[in-house]
Each structure stands twice: as C-alpha cells, then as structure tokens.
C-alpha cells in the first residue's frame, strides 16, 4: 500500500523521476571543418519582444491550459547566448551597436507534457550576413527525458535544441566563405539598411 502514492504521482505528474539536463554553457558546439572555436565573427542574436514576453503554458486536459509565470523567450535567449558565446568571439542579443557580421533570428516553442515531465522543443535559427545575404534557416526539434523541474529545465532543454541548429549553421557554405575570408568588416551603409529592415532603429 505504501507504493500507491508514488505510483499515482508518477502517472499524474511524472514527479520523483527525471534528471537535470546540462546547462547550455556546458554543451560542446561542433566546430566547422578546419576551424577552431570561437570564430572571430560578431553575431547579433534577434529575439522578438513578443517571444520574450510569452509565458509558458501547458495542457491540463483537452479543454484547459495552465499558464505559468515562466518567460519562455527569456529562457530561449539565455540558451542561445551561451551557445553562440562558445561559437563566436562576440555575441549579443538585440544590440545592433556591436557592428555584427551575422544576424541570427532565434525562435522556438516549448511543449510541456505534465504526464511524463518532458519537454518537446521546436527551435530555429534564421541566419543572414549583416548586409542581408542568407546563410540559411536551421530548424530542429528536441525531445527531453523526464526532468526534475519545469522552470530550471526550460533553458537547458532549449540549449539541446539550439545546439543542433547551431551545429548545422556552423557547417553552412555561406558561413564557410566568411570564415575563409577572415570575417571582413561589413559595409556600414548596407548593414544599417538591413538592420532597419529588421525593425532596428539605426541613427
């Protein structure tokens, strides 16, 4: 009889099982062939304010959802900054003043399964040069094992997904050309024009 509460807990919430996922800054990013990390380029990460403000929610049943106080986009941004910080010499989120070589728009969606305490993450990196030439769109998904904590596991789960997308980005031919050229400084006027087209205010 003592096992009944534990069994019910496992069935209903997935509690008492699971493990901590590694933090994004503990993950290993795969270097491009013939190059070492970090690459010398500067990367501007773009995370929309609507994503940053979005609160994580999950299904309770077929008709009801529970909204948490967890800002999903902020967790995604933390993971992206940690990973791009391993891949490139300098990166910042939503700060065009860094004079970027690359602009990477980060997006994603987390789905929490309360029955087995798992995350399914869909994520994407849409990368262009700062002058607007496409590097590529890299879309991935990640299914977590059972995790211990809804809040503290979100950024690590995003890290696992974004690592897959970033690894693909680092193998892209467009990025290989920038590496081989030594990341030449971009044209300021073209960069300013493209940044304005992405919604940034450039003086």
N, C-alpha and C. Protein backbone atom coordinates (compact mmCIF):
# COMPACT_ATOMS: atom_id res chain seq x y z
N UNK A 1 0.82 -1.21 0.00
CA UNK A 1 0.00 0.00 0.00
C UNK A 1 0.85 1.26 0.00
N UNK A 2 2.05 1.17 0.54
CA UNK A 2 2.91 2.34 0.60
C UNK A 2 3.33 2.81 -0.79
N UNK A 3 3.26 1.90 -1.78
CA UNK A 3 3.69 2.25 -3.12
C UNK A 3 2.63 3.01 -3.90
N UNK A 4 1.37 2.99 -3.43
CA UNK A 4 0.29 3.59 -4.20
C UNK A 4 0.49 5.09 -4.42
N UNK A 5 0.83 5.90 -3.40
CA UNK A 5 1.04 7.34 -3.66
C UNK A 5 2.16 7.61 -4.66
N UNK A 6 3.20 6.81 -4.62
CA UNK A 6 4.30 7.00 -5.57
C UNK A 6 3.84 6.70 -6.98
N UNK A 7 3.09 5.60 -7.15
CA UNK A 7 2.61 5.23 -8.47
C UNK A 7 1.68 6.30 -9.03
N UNK A 8 0.77 6.79 -8.19
CA UNK A 8 -0.13 7.85 -8.63
C UNK A 8 0.64 9.10 -9.03
N UNK A 9 1.67 9.43 -8.25
CA UNK A 9 2.49 10.61 -8.54
C UNK A 9 3.15 10.47 -9.90
N UNK A 10 3.69 9.27 -10.17
CA UNK A 10 4.36 9.04 -11.45
C UNK A 10 3.39 9.15 -12.61
N UNK A 11 2.18 8.58 -12.42
CA UNK A 11 1.21 8.60 -13.50
C UNK A 11 0.67 9.98 -13.80
N UNK A 12 0.45 10.77 -12.75
CA UNK A 12 -0.20 12.06 -12.92
C UNK A 12 0.75 13.19 -13.25
N UNK A 13 1.93 13.20 -12.67
CA UNK A 13 2.79 14.37 -12.83
C UNK A 13 4.21 14.06 -13.26
N UNK A 14 4.62 12.80 -13.23
CA UNK A 14 6.00 12.49 -13.55
C UNK A 14 6.96 12.85 -12.44
N UNK A 15 6.48 13.15 -11.24
CA UNK A 15 7.38 13.56 -10.17
C UNK A 15 8.19 12.38 -9.65
N UNK A 16 9.24 12.72 -8.92
CA UNK A 16 10.15 11.75 -8.33
C UNK A 16 10.98 10.99 -9.36
N UNK A 17 10.88 11.39 -10.63
CA UNK A 17 11.72 10.78 -11.65
C UNK A 17 12.39 11.90 -12.42
N UNK A 18 13.33 11.50 -13.25
CA UNK A 18 13.96 12.50 -14.10
C UNK A 18 15.33 12.90 -13.62
N UNK A 19 15.96 13.73 -14.42
CA UNK A 19 17.31 14.16 -14.11
C UNK A 19 17.50 15.59 -14.59
N UNK A 20 18.52 16.23 -14.08
CA UNK A 20 18.85 17.58 -14.53
C UNK A 20 19.53 17.52 -15.90
N UNK A 21 19.07 18.34 -16.83
CA UNK A 21 19.77 18.49 -18.10
C UNK A 21 20.98 19.39 -17.91
N UNK A 22 22.04 19.18 -18.69
CA UNK A 22 23.19 20.08 -18.58
C UNK A 22 22.83 21.50 -18.99
N UNK A 23 23.46 22.47 -18.36
CA UNK A 23 23.24 23.86 -18.72
C UNK A 23 23.80 24.13 -20.13
N UNK A 24 23.23 25.10 -20.85
CA UNK A 24 23.71 25.37 -22.21
C UNK A 24 25.21 25.64 -22.30
N UNK A 25 25.78 26.32 -21.29
CA UNK A 25 27.22 26.62 -21.36
C UNK A 25 28.09 25.40 -21.09
N UNK A 26 27.46 24.25 -20.76
CA UNK A 26 28.20 23.00 -20.59
C UNK A 26 28.19 22.14 -21.85
N UNK A 27 27.44 22.56 -22.85
CA UNK A 27 27.35 21.78 -24.09
C UNK A 27 28.54 22.08 -24.99
N UNK A 28 28.90 21.11 -25.82
CA UNK A 28 30.01 21.26 -26.76
C UNK A 28 29.47 21.53 -28.15
N UNK A 29 29.87 22.66 -28.71
CA UNK A 29 29.46 23.04 -30.06
C UNK A 29 30.46 22.47 -31.05
N UNK A 30 29.97 21.97 -32.18
CA UNK A 30 30.83 21.33 -33.17
C UNK A 30 31.45 22.38 -34.09
N UNK A 31 32.77 22.44 -34.12
CA UNK A 31 33.48 23.43 -34.93
C UNK A 31 33.36 23.08 -36.42
N UNK A 32 33.37 24.10 -37.29
CA UNK A 32 33.41 23.84 -38.73
C UNK A 32 34.70 23.12 -39.11
N UNK A 33 34.71 22.38 -40.20
CA UNK A 33 35.93 21.70 -40.64
C UNK A 33 37.08 22.69 -40.85
N UNK A 34 38.23 22.37 -40.26
CA UNK A 34 39.41 23.19 -40.44
C UNK A 34 39.44 24.47 -39.64
N UNK A 35 38.47 24.68 -38.76
CA UNK A 35 38.43 25.90 -37.95
C UNK A 35 38.36 25.54 -36.48
N UNK A 36 38.71 26.48 -35.65
CA UNK A 36 38.61 26.28 -34.21
C UNK A 36 37.68 27.34 -33.63
N UNK A 37 37.08 27.00 -32.53
CA UNK A 37 36.14 27.92 -31.87
C UNK A 37 36.82 28.60 -30.69
N UNK A 38 36.42 29.85 -30.39
CA UNK A 38 35.38 30.62 -31.08
C UNK A 38 35.87 31.25 -32.37
N UNK A 39 34.96 31.35 -33.34
CA UNK A 39 35.25 32.06 -34.58
C UNK A 39 35.34 33.55 -34.28
N UNK A 40 36.04 34.29 -35.10
CA UNK A 40 36.32 35.68 -34.76
C UNK A 40 35.15 36.62 -35.04
N UNK A 41 34.08 36.13 -35.66
CA UNK A 41 32.97 36.99 -36.05
C UNK A 41 32.12 37.49 -34.88
N UNK A 42 31.37 38.56 -35.15
CA UNK A 42 30.41 39.12 -34.19
C UNK A 42 29.00 38.77 -34.64
N UNK A 43 28.19 38.30 -33.69
CA UNK A 43 26.84 37.84 -34.03
C UNK A 43 25.81 38.62 -33.23
N UNK A 44 24.82 39.14 -33.94
CA UNK A 44 23.68 39.78 -33.31
C UNK A 44 22.55 38.76 -33.26
N UNK A 45 22.15 38.38 -32.06
CA UNK A 45 21.00 37.49 -31.88
C UNK A 45 19.74 38.33 -31.78
N UNK A 46 18.72 37.94 -32.52
CA UNK A 46 17.46 38.67 -32.51
C UNK A 46 16.39 37.78 -31.89
N UNK A 47 15.86 38.22 -30.76
CA UNK A 47 14.73 37.56 -30.11
C UNK A 47 13.65 38.61 -29.95
N UNK A 48 12.49 38.38 -30.54
CA UNK A 48 11.44 39.39 -30.53
C UNK A 48 10.92 39.61 -29.11
N UNK A 49 10.43 40.82 -28.88
CA UNK A 49 9.88 41.13 -27.56
C UNK A 49 8.65 40.29 -27.26
N UNK A 50 7.86 39.98 -28.28
CA UNK A 50 6.68 39.14 -28.06
C UNK A 50 7.09 37.74 -27.60
N UNK A 51 8.20 37.22 -28.13
CA UNK A 51 8.71 35.93 -27.66
C UNK A 51 9.21 36.04 -26.22
N UNK A 52 9.93 37.12 -25.93
CA UNK A 52 10.47 37.28 -24.58
C UNK A 52 9.36 37.43 -23.53
N UNK A 53 8.26 38.03 -23.95
CA UNK A 53 7.15 38.24 -23.01
C UNK A 53 6.25 37.02 -22.88
N UNK A 54 6.36 36.08 -23.80
CA UNK A 54 5.44 34.93 -23.81
C UNK A 54 5.67 34.04 -22.58
N UNK A 55 4.57 33.74 -21.90
CA UNK A 55 4.63 32.87 -20.73
C UNK A 55 4.38 31.42 -21.13
N UNK A 56 5.16 30.53 -20.57
CA UNK A 56 4.99 29.11 -20.84
C UNK A 56 3.63 28.66 -20.31
N UNK A 57 2.92 27.90 -21.12
CA UNK A 57 1.67 27.30 -20.69
C UNK A 57 1.64 25.84 -21.12
N UNK A 58 0.77 25.06 -20.50
CA UNK A 58 0.69 23.65 -20.84
C UNK A 58 -0.73 23.15 -20.63
N UNK A 59 -1.04 22.06 -21.30
CA UNK A 59 -2.36 21.49 -21.23
C UNK A 59 -2.58 20.75 -19.91
N UNK A 60 -3.72 21.02 -19.27
CA UNK A 60 -4.15 20.24 -18.11
C UNK A 60 -5.03 19.08 -18.58
N UNK A 61 -5.90 19.38 -19.52
CA UNK A 61 -6.73 18.37 -20.17
C UNK A 61 -7.05 18.88 -21.57
N UNK A 62 -8.00 18.26 -22.24
CA UNK A 62 -8.28 18.62 -23.63
C UNK A 62 -8.88 20.00 -23.80
N UNK A 63 -9.41 20.57 -22.74
CA UNK A 63 -10.08 21.87 -22.86
C UNK A 63 -9.44 22.97 -22.01
N UNK A 64 -8.52 22.62 -21.14
CA UNK A 64 -7.96 23.61 -20.21
C UNK A 64 -6.45 23.67 -20.31
N UNK A 65 -5.92 24.89 -20.11
CA UNK A 65 -4.48 25.11 -20.08
C UNK A 65 -4.12 25.85 -18.80
N UNK A 66 -2.92 25.62 -18.35
CA UNK A 66 -2.37 26.31 -17.18
C UNK A 66 -1.25 27.23 -17.66
N UNK A 67 -1.33 28.51 -17.31
CA UNK A 67 -0.27 29.45 -17.66
C UNK A 67 0.65 29.63 -16.47
N UNK A 68 1.95 29.50 -16.71
CA UNK A 68 2.94 29.68 -15.66
C UNK A 68 3.41 31.13 -15.65
N UNK A 69 4.34 31.43 -14.78
CA UNK A 69 4.97 32.75 -14.74
C UNK A 69 6.37 32.70 -15.38
N UNK A 70 6.63 31.65 -16.12
CA UNK A 70 7.95 31.45 -16.73
C UNK A 70 7.97 32.12 -18.10
N UNK A 71 8.89 33.06 -18.30
CA UNK A 71 9.05 33.74 -19.60
C UNK A 71 9.86 32.84 -20.52
N UNK A 72 9.15 32.23 -21.46
CA UNK A 72 9.77 31.22 -22.32
C UNK A 72 10.87 31.80 -23.20
N UNK A 73 10.60 32.99 -23.79
CA UNK A 73 11.59 33.58 -24.68
C UNK A 73 12.87 33.97 -23.97
N UNK A 74 12.77 34.35 -22.70
CA UNK A 74 13.98 34.68 -21.94
C UNK A 74 14.83 33.44 -21.71
N UNK A 75 14.18 32.31 -21.45
CA UNK A 75 14.92 31.06 -21.29
C UNK A 75 15.60 30.67 -22.60
N UNK A 76 14.90 30.86 -23.72
CA UNK A 76 15.47 30.58 -25.03
C UNK A 76 16.66 31.50 -25.31
N UNK A 77 16.51 32.78 -24.98
CA UNK A 77 17.59 33.75 -25.21
C UNK A 77 18.83 33.40 -24.40
N UNK A 78 18.65 33.01 -23.14
CA UNK A 78 19.80 32.62 -22.31
C UNK A 78 20.56 31.46 -22.93
N UNK A 79 19.80 30.48 -23.42
CA UNK A 79 20.45 29.32 -24.05
C UNK A 79 21.20 29.72 -25.31
N UNK A 80 20.59 30.57 -26.13
CA UNK A 80 21.23 30.99 -27.38
C UNK A 80 22.51 31.78 -27.10
N UNK A 81 22.47 32.69 -26.14
CA UNK A 81 23.65 33.49 -25.81
C UNK A 81 24.80 32.60 -25.34
N UNK A 82 24.48 31.60 -24.52
CA UNK A 82 25.53 30.70 -24.03
C UNK A 82 26.16 29.91 -25.17
N UNK A 83 25.35 29.40 -26.08
CA UNK A 83 25.86 28.58 -27.17
C UNK A 83 26.63 29.41 -28.20
N UNK A 84 26.06 30.55 -28.59
CA UNK A 84 26.77 31.40 -29.55
C UNK A 84 28.04 31.97 -28.94
N UNK A 85 28.05 32.13 -27.62
CA UNK A 85 29.27 32.58 -26.95
C UNK A 85 30.40 31.58 -27.05
N UNK A 86 30.05 30.30 -27.22
CA UNK A 86 31.07 29.28 -27.45
C UNK A 86 31.54 29.27 -28.90
N UNK A 87 30.63 29.64 -29.81
CA UNK A 87 30.93 29.51 -31.23
C UNK A 87 31.62 30.74 -31.82
N UNK A 88 31.32 31.94 -31.26
CA UNK A 88 31.83 33.18 -31.84
C UNK A 88 32.51 34.04 -30.78
N UNK A 89 33.42 34.88 -31.24
CA UNK A 89 34.19 35.71 -30.32
C UNK A 89 33.33 36.71 -29.58
N UNK A 90 32.27 37.17 -30.23
CA UNK A 90 31.42 38.16 -29.57
C UNK A 90 29.99 38.01 -30.06
N UNK A 91 29.06 38.02 -29.12
CA UNK A 91 27.65 37.95 -29.47
C UNK A 91 26.82 38.73 -28.47
N UNK A 92 25.70 39.26 -28.92
CA UNK A 92 24.80 39.99 -28.05
C UNK A 92 23.40 39.87 -28.61
N UNK A 93 22.41 40.01 -27.74
CA UNK A 93 21.02 39.91 -28.15
C UNK A 93 20.41 41.30 -28.32
N UNK A 94 19.84 41.55 -29.51
CA UNK A 94 19.09 42.78 -29.79
C UNK A 94 19.93 44.05 -29.56
N UNK A 95 21.23 43.97 -29.88
CA UNK A 95 22.12 45.12 -29.73
C UNK A 95 22.90 45.34 -31.03
N UNK A 96 22.33 46.09 -31.95
CA UNK A 96 22.99 46.30 -33.24
C UNK A 96 24.28 47.10 -33.14
N UNK A 97 24.54 47.74 -32.00
CA UNK A 97 25.75 48.55 -31.86
C UNK A 97 27.02 47.71 -31.85
N UNK A 98 26.92 46.39 -31.81
CA UNK A 98 28.13 45.56 -31.83
C UNK A 98 28.74 45.46 -33.23
N UNK A 99 28.09 46.09 -34.22
CA UNK A 99 28.55 46.04 -35.62
C UNK A 99 28.70 44.58 -36.08
N UNK A 100 27.59 43.87 -36.14
CA UNK A 100 27.65 42.41 -36.37
C UNK A 100 28.10 42.04 -37.77
N UNK A 101 28.74 40.88 -37.85
CA UNK A 101 28.98 40.24 -39.14
C UNK A 101 27.77 39.39 -39.54
N UNK A 102 27.09 38.84 -38.52
CA UNK A 102 25.99 37.91 -38.75
C UNK A 102 24.80 38.34 -37.89
N UNK A 103 23.62 38.20 -38.47
CA UNK A 103 22.38 38.43 -37.72
C UNK A 103 21.62 37.11 -37.69
N UNK A 104 21.37 36.62 -36.49
CA UNK A 104 20.72 35.33 -36.31
C UNK A 104 19.42 35.52 -35.54
N UNK A 105 18.31 35.29 -36.23
CA UNK A 105 17.00 35.40 -35.58
C UNK A 105 16.68 34.05 -34.93
N UNK A 106 16.39 34.09 -33.62
CA UNK A 106 16.15 32.88 -32.84
C UNK A 106 14.67 32.79 -32.53
N UNK A 107 14.09 31.62 -32.77
CA UNK A 107 12.68 31.42 -32.43
C UNK A 107 12.49 29.99 -31.94
N UNK A 108 11.38 29.76 -31.25
CA UNK A 108 11.12 28.43 -30.76
C UNK A 108 9.81 28.32 -30.01
N UNK A 109 9.45 27.09 -29.70
CA UNK A 109 8.23 26.81 -28.95
C UNK A 109 8.46 25.57 -28.10
N UNK A 110 8.14 25.70 -26.82
CA UNK A 110 8.28 24.57 -25.89
C UNK A 110 6.91 24.00 -25.57
N UNK A 111 6.80 22.69 -25.58
CA UNK A 111 5.57 21.99 -25.18
C UNK A 111 5.89 21.11 -23.98
N UNK A 112 5.23 21.38 -22.89
CA UNK A 112 5.45 20.62 -21.64
C UNK A 112 4.39 19.55 -21.52
N UNK A 113 4.83 18.32 -21.31
CA UNK A 113 3.93 17.19 -21.07
C UNK A 113 3.94 16.88 -19.57
N UNK A 114 2.88 17.28 -18.88
CA UNK A 114 2.84 17.12 -17.43
C UNK A 114 2.69 15.66 -17.02
N UNK A 115 2.26 14.79 -17.94
CA UNK A 115 2.07 13.39 -17.59
C UNK A 115 3.40 12.67 -17.38
N UNK A 116 4.39 13.00 -18.20
CA UNK A 116 5.69 12.32 -18.05
C UNK A 116 6.83 13.29 -17.77
N UNK A 117 6.51 14.55 -17.50
CA UNK A 117 7.52 15.56 -17.13
C UNK A 117 8.59 15.72 -18.20
N UNK A 118 8.17 15.84 -19.45
CA UNK A 118 9.13 16.01 -20.54
C UNK A 118 8.83 17.29 -21.32
N UNK A 119 9.85 17.79 -21.97
CA UNK A 119 9.71 18.91 -22.89
C UNK A 119 9.89 18.41 -24.32
N UNK A 120 9.07 18.96 -25.23
CA UNK A 120 9.38 18.88 -26.65
C UNK A 120 9.63 20.30 -27.12
N UNK A 121 10.79 20.52 -27.70
CA UNK A 121 11.21 21.86 -28.13
C UNK A 121 11.31 21.89 -29.65
N UNK A 122 10.69 22.88 -30.25
CA UNK A 122 10.93 23.20 -31.65
C UNK A 122 11.70 24.52 -31.67
N UNK A 123 12.79 24.58 -32.44
CA UNK A 123 13.59 25.80 -32.45
C UNK A 123 14.14 26.05 -33.85
N UNK A 124 14.50 27.31 -34.09
CA UNK A 124 15.01 27.68 -35.41
C UNK A 124 16.01 28.81 -35.28
N UNK A 125 17.02 28.77 -36.13
CA UNK A 125 17.98 29.86 -36.30
C UNK A 125 17.89 30.28 -37.76
N UNK A 126 17.51 31.53 -37.98
CA UNK A 126 17.44 32.09 -39.34
C UNK A 126 18.59 33.08 -39.45
N UNK A 127 19.64 32.70 -40.17
CA UNK A 127 20.89 33.47 -40.17
C UNK A 127 21.14 34.14 -41.52
N UNK A 128 21.57 35.40 -41.43
CA UNK A 128 21.96 36.18 -42.60
C UNK A 128 23.23 36.95 -42.26
N UNK A 129 23.95 37.34 -43.30
CA UNK A 129 25.04 38.28 -43.06
C UNK A 129 24.43 39.62 -42.66
N UNK A 130 25.23 40.48 -42.09
CA UNK A 130 24.70 41.78 -41.66
C UNK A 130 24.28 42.65 -42.84
N UNK A 131 24.69 42.27 -44.04
CA UNK A 131 24.29 43.00 -45.24
C UNK A 131 23.06 42.39 -45.89
N UNK A 132 22.51 41.32 -45.26
CA UNK A 132 21.26 40.74 -45.72
C UNK A 132 21.38 39.53 -46.62
N UNK A 133 22.58 39.01 -46.83
CA UNK A 133 22.74 37.82 -47.65
C UNK A 133 22.47 36.57 -46.81
N UNK A 134 21.67 35.64 -47.32
CA UNK A 134 21.27 34.49 -46.49
C UNK A 134 22.42 33.51 -46.24
N UNK A 135 22.49 33.06 -45.00
CA UNK A 135 23.37 31.95 -44.62
C UNK A 135 22.56 30.67 -44.55
N UNK A 136 21.34 30.77 -44.03
CA UNK A 136 20.47 29.61 -44.02
C UNK A 136 19.49 29.64 -42.87
N UNK A 137 18.46 28.80 -42.98
CA UNK A 137 17.50 28.59 -41.91
C UNK A 137 17.69 27.18 -41.39
N UNK A 138 17.81 27.06 -40.08
CA UNK A 138 18.17 25.79 -39.47
C UNK A 138 17.12 25.47 -38.40
N UNK A 139 16.31 24.46 -38.69
CA UNK A 139 15.15 24.13 -37.86
C UNK A 139 15.36 22.75 -37.26
N UNK A 140 15.17 22.65 -35.95
CA UNK A 140 15.39 21.39 -35.25
C UNK A 140 14.31 21.15 -34.21
N UNK A 141 14.24 19.92 -33.73
CA UNK A 141 13.36 19.58 -32.62
C UNK A 141 14.14 18.74 -31.62
N UNK A 142 13.69 18.78 -30.38
CA UNK A 142 14.35 18.03 -29.32
C UNK A 142 13.30 17.52 -28.35
N UNK A 143 13.38 16.24 -28.02
CA UNK A 143 12.50 15.63 -27.02
C UNK A 143 13.33 15.30 -25.79
N UNK A 144 13.01 15.90 -24.67
CA UNK A 144 13.80 15.70 -23.46
C UNK A 144 13.41 14.40 -22.77
N UNK A 145 14.29 13.88 -21.94
CA UNK A 145 13.86 12.84 -21.00
C UNK A 145 13.02 13.49 -19.90
N UNK A 146 12.51 12.69 -18.99
CA UNK A 146 11.82 13.26 -17.84
C UNK A 146 12.78 14.13 -17.05
N UNK A 147 12.32 15.32 -16.69
CA UNK A 147 13.18 16.27 -15.99
C UNK A 147 12.61 16.57 -14.61
N UNK A 148 13.43 17.14 -13.77
CA UNK A 148 13.07 17.33 -12.36
C UNK A 148 12.26 18.58 -12.11
N UNK A 149 12.45 19.62 -12.94
CA UNK A 149 11.85 20.90 -12.62
C UNK A 149 11.40 21.62 -13.88
N UNK A 150 10.16 22.05 -13.90
CA UNK A 150 9.58 22.73 -15.05
C UNK A 150 10.34 23.99 -15.41
N UNK A 151 10.69 24.80 -14.43
CA UNK A 151 11.33 26.10 -14.66
C UNK A 151 12.80 25.94 -15.00
N UNK A 152 13.57 25.32 -14.12
CA UNK A 152 15.02 25.28 -14.31
C UNK A 152 15.45 24.41 -15.49
N UNK A 153 14.57 23.55 -15.99
CA UNK A 153 14.92 22.69 -17.12
C UNK A 153 14.62 23.32 -18.47
N UNK A 154 13.92 24.46 -18.50
CA UNK A 154 13.49 25.02 -19.78
C UNK A 154 14.66 25.53 -20.60
N UNK A 155 15.52 26.36 -20.02
CA UNK A 155 16.66 26.87 -20.77
C UNK A 155 17.61 25.74 -21.20
N UNK A 156 17.92 24.76 -20.33
CA UNK A 156 18.72 23.62 -20.79
C UNK A 156 18.08 22.83 -21.92
N UNK A 157 16.74 22.68 -21.90
CA UNK A 157 16.07 21.98 -22.99
C UNK A 157 16.19 22.77 -24.29
N UNK A 158 16.02 24.09 -24.20
CA UNK A 158 16.24 24.93 -25.39
C UNK A 158 17.70 24.82 -25.86
N UNK A 159 18.63 24.72 -24.91
CA UNK A 159 20.03 24.58 -25.28
C UNK A 159 20.29 23.34 -26.11
N UNK A 160 19.65 22.24 -25.75
CA UNK A 160 19.83 21.00 -26.51
C UNK A 160 19.33 21.16 -27.94
N UNK A 161 18.18 21.82 -28.11
CA UNK A 161 17.61 22.02 -29.44
C UNK A 161 18.46 23.00 -30.26
N UNK A 162 18.80 24.13 -29.64
CA UNK A 162 19.56 25.15 -30.37
C UNK A 162 20.96 24.69 -30.71
N UNK A 163 21.54 23.80 -29.92
CA UNK A 163 22.86 23.25 -30.26
C UNK A 163 22.80 22.51 -31.59
N UNK A 164 21.72 21.73 -31.80
CA UNK A 164 21.57 21.00 -33.06
C UNK A 164 21.48 21.97 -34.24
N UNK A 165 20.70 23.05 -34.06
CA UNK A 165 20.56 24.05 -35.13
C UNK A 165 21.87 24.79 -35.36
N UNK A 166 22.57 25.14 -34.28
CA UNK A 166 23.83 25.87 -34.41
C UNK A 166 24.91 25.00 -35.06
N UNK A 167 24.95 23.73 -34.71
CA UNK A 167 25.91 22.83 -35.36
C UNK A 167 25.70 22.81 -36.88
N UNK A 168 24.44 22.79 -37.30
CA UNK A 168 24.16 22.83 -38.75
C UNK A 168 24.58 24.18 -39.35
N UNK A 169 24.30 25.26 -38.63
CA UNK A 169 24.68 26.58 -39.13
C UNK A 169 26.19 26.68 -39.32
N UNK A 170 26.95 26.10 -38.41
CA UNK A 170 28.41 26.20 -38.49
C UNK A 170 29.00 25.39 -39.64
N UNK A 171 28.19 24.54 -40.24
CA UNK A 171 28.65 23.78 -41.42
C UNK A 171 28.16 24.40 -42.72
N UNK A 172 27.39 25.49 -42.64
CA UNK A 172 26.76 26.07 -43.84
C UNK A 172 27.81 26.68 -44.77
N UNK A 173 27.66 26.48 -46.09
CA UNK A 173 28.63 27.05 -47.04
C UNK A 173 28.77 28.57 -46.93
N UNK A 174 27.67 29.27 -46.67
CA UNK A 174 27.76 30.72 -46.55
C UNK A 174 28.64 31.15 -45.40
N UNK A 175 28.59 30.41 -44.31
CA UNK A 175 29.45 30.73 -43.17
C UNK A 175 30.89 30.32 -43.45
N UNK A 176 31.06 29.20 -44.16
CA UNK A 176 32.41 28.76 -44.52
C UNK A 176 33.13 29.85 -45.32
N UNK A 177 32.42 30.50 -46.21
CA UNK A 177 33.03 31.57 -47.01
C UNK A 177 33.47 32.73 -46.12
N UNK A 178 32.67 33.06 -45.09
CA UNK A 178 33.05 34.15 -44.18
C UNK A 178 34.28 33.76 -43.37
N UNK A 179 34.33 32.51 -42.94
CA UNK A 179 35.49 32.03 -42.17
C UNK A 179 36.74 32.11 -43.02
N UNK A 180 36.66 31.63 -44.25
CA UNK A 180 37.83 31.63 -45.13
C UNK A 180 38.29 33.04 -45.46
N UNK A 181 37.35 33.98 -45.49
CA UNK A 181 37.70 35.38 -45.78
C UNK A 181 38.16 36.13 -44.54
N UNK A 182 38.09 35.48 -43.38
CA UNK A 182 38.56 36.12 -42.15
C UNK A 182 37.58 37.12 -41.56
N UNK A 183 36.30 36.96 -41.87
CA UNK A 183 35.26 37.87 -41.37
C UNK A 183 35.62 39.34 -41.65
N UNK A 184 35.66 39.72 -42.92
CA UNK A 184 35.94 41.13 -43.25
C UNK A 184 34.85 42.03 -42.71
N UNK A 185 35.21 43.26 -42.42
CA UNK A 185 34.23 44.20 -41.87
C UNK A 185 33.12 44.46 -42.88
N UNK A 186 31.87 44.40 -42.45
CA UNK A 186 30.76 44.61 -43.38
C UNK A 186 30.61 46.07 -43.78
N UNK A 187 29.95 46.29 -44.90
CA UNK A 187 29.69 47.64 -45.38
C UNK A 187 28.72 48.33 -44.42
N UNK A 188 29.09 49.46 -43.83
CA UNK A 188 28.23 50.11 -42.83
C UNK A 188 26.87 50.52 -43.37
N UNK A 189 26.82 51.04 -44.58
CA UNK A 189 25.55 51.51 -45.14
C UNK A 189 24.62 50.34 -45.43
N UNK A 190 25.15 49.27 -46.01
CA UNK A 190 24.32 48.09 -46.29
C UNK A 190 23.84 47.46 -44.98
N UNK A 191 24.73 47.42 -44.00
CA UNK A 191 24.36 46.85 -42.71
C UNK A 191 23.26 47.66 -42.05
N UNK A 192 23.40 48.97 -42.06
CA UNK A 192 22.39 49.84 -41.45
C UNK A 192 21.04 49.66 -42.15
N UNK A 193 21.07 49.56 -43.48
CA UNK A 193 19.84 49.38 -44.22
C UNK A 193 19.15 48.07 -43.88
N UNK A 194 19.94 47.01 -43.77
CA UNK A 194 19.34 45.71 -43.46
C UNK A 194 18.82 45.68 -42.03
N UNK A 195 19.57 46.27 -41.10
CA UNK A 195 19.11 46.31 -39.71
C UNK A 195 17.79 47.08 -39.59
N UNK A 196 17.67 48.18 -40.33
CA UNK A 196 16.41 48.93 -40.32
C UNK A 196 15.26 48.06 -40.85
N UNK A 197 15.56 47.27 -41.87
CA UNK A 197 14.51 46.41 -42.43
C UNK A 197 14.07 45.34 -41.44
N UNK A 198 14.91 45.07 -40.45
CA UNK A 198 14.58 44.08 -39.41
C UNK A 198 13.95 44.72 -38.17
N UNK A 199 13.69 46.02 -38.25
CA UNK A 199 12.98 46.68 -37.18
C UNK A 199 13.84 47.43 -36.18
N UNK A 200 15.15 47.50 -36.42
CA UNK A 200 16.04 48.23 -35.51
C UNK A 200 16.10 49.70 -35.89
N UNK A 201 16.25 50.53 -34.90
CA UNK A 201 16.42 51.96 -35.10
C UNK A 201 17.93 52.24 -35.18
N UNK A 202 18.38 52.66 -36.35
CA UNK A 202 19.80 52.92 -36.57
C UNK A 202 19.98 54.40 -36.91
N UNK A 203 20.75 55.09 -36.12
CA UNK A 203 20.99 56.52 -36.36
C UNK A 203 22.21 56.71 -37.26
